[in-house]
């Protein structure tokens, strides 16, 4: 199953955080989410471990891609290198 893409780049705070949390509550077991964001979501990063999720971020100022997954089901190398549609 390809990762779900959640583009929150144009949303004002706190909508990006709220949308990411909503998407995680509906994430099927083994699912992944690519969050496209204009900045690194440090508050989300702080919450993910307590919710049982891990993440990897890449990007630069103005464009970040954050892959989020269930900590018990790490992504494959191919999933980590996947390029979400931007």
Protein backbone atom coordinates (compact mmCIF):
# COMPACT_ATOMS: atom_id res chain seq x y z
CA UNK A 1 0.00 0.00 0.00
CA UNK A 2 1.54 3.36 -0.97
CA UNK A 3 1.90 5.94 1.78
CA UNK A 4 -0.88 8.43 2.32
CA UNK A 5 0.18 11.97 1.37
CA UNK A 6 -0.93 14.81 3.60
CA UNK A 7 -0.11 18.26 2.20
CA UNK A 8 -0.40 20.91 4.91
CA UNK A 9 1.98 23.48 3.39
CA UNK A 10 -0.65 26.15 2.87
CA UNK A 11 -2.55 25.76 6.13
CA UNK A 12 -2.22 28.23 9.01
CA UNK A 13 -1.26 26.99 12.49
CA UNK A 14 -2.51 24.92 14.25
CA UNK A 15 -4.22 23.18 11.31
CA UNK A 16 -1.14 21.27 10.09
CA UNK A 17 -0.74 19.64 13.51
CA UNK A 18 -4.47 18.93 13.81
CA UNK A 19 -4.65 17.39 10.33
CA UNK A 20 -1.60 15.21 10.98
CA UNK A 21 -3.06 13.94 14.26
CA UNK A 22 -6.42 13.23 12.58
CA UNK A 23 -4.68 11.31 9.80
CA UNK A 24 -2.76 9.22 12.32
CA UNK A 25 -5.94 8.21 14.16
CA UNK A 26 -7.28 6.85 10.85
CA UNK A 27 -4.03 5.24 9.69
CA UNK A 28 -4.46 1.52 8.99
CA UNK A 29 -2.07 -0.90 10.66
CA UNK A 30 1.21 -0.90 8.77
CA UNK A 31 0.30 2.34 6.98
CA UNK A 32 2.56 5.28 6.43
CA UNK A 33 1.97 8.99 5.98
CA UNK A 34 4.12 11.47 4.08
CA UNK A 35 3.43 14.91 5.52
CA UNK A 36 4.38 17.80 3.23
CA UNK A 37 5.02 20.87 5.36
CA UNK A 38 6.61 24.31 4.98
CA UNK A 39 8.57 23.87 8.23
CA UNK A 40 9.64 21.12 10.59
CA UNK A 41 6.74 20.30 12.95
CA UNK A 42 8.66 20.03 16.22
CA UNK A 43 5.48 19.82 18.37
CA UNK A 44 4.38 16.82 16.29
CA UNK A 45 7.81 15.22 16.66
CA UNK A 46 7.46 15.50 20.44
CA UNK A 47 4.08 13.71 20.37
CA UNK A 48 4.86 10.86 17.97
CA UNK A 49 6.91 8.58 20.27
CA UNK A 50 4.25 8.59 22.99
CA UNK A 51 1.68 7.69 20.34
CA UNK A 52 3.79 4.74 19.13
CA UNK A 53 5.07 6.33 15.92
CA UNK A 54 8.50 7.01 14.46
CA UNK A 55 9.44 9.41 11.69
CA UNK A 56 12.12 10.56 9.31
CA UNK A 57 12.26 14.08 7.91
CA UNK A 58 14.07 15.56 4.97
CA UNK A 59 13.99 18.92 3.33
CA UNK A 60 15.07 22.51 3.57
CA UNK A 61 13.59 25.85 4.57
CA UNK A 62 10.11 26.14 3.11
CA UNK A 63 9.70 22.48 2.13
CA UNK A 64 9.86 19.44 4.42
CA UNK A 65 8.74 15.87 3.85
CA UNK A 66 8.10 13.83 6.96
CA UNK A 67 7.45 10.08 6.74
CA UNK A 68 5.55 8.78 9.77
CA UNK A 69 5.03 5.08 10.57
CA UNK A 70 4.04 2.73 13.37
CA UNK A 71 7.20 2.13 15.42
CA UNK A 72 6.46 -1.61 15.48
CA UNK A 73 6.49 -1.77 11.64
CA UNK A 74 9.53 0.09 10.29
CA UNK A 75 9.52 1.15 6.64
CA UNK A 76 11.57 -0.57 3.98
CA UNK A 77 14.48 1.15 2.29
CA UNK A 78 12.28 1.67 -0.78
CA UNK A 79 9.60 3.37 1.33
CA UNK A 80 12.20 5.67 2.86
CA UNK A 81 13.43 6.70 -0.58
CA UNK A 82 9.95 7.16 -2.09
CA UNK A 83 9.29 10.65 -3.39
CA UNK A 84 5.84 11.93 -2.52
CA UNK A 85 4.10 13.94 -5.21
CA UNK A 86 4.70 17.61 -4.53
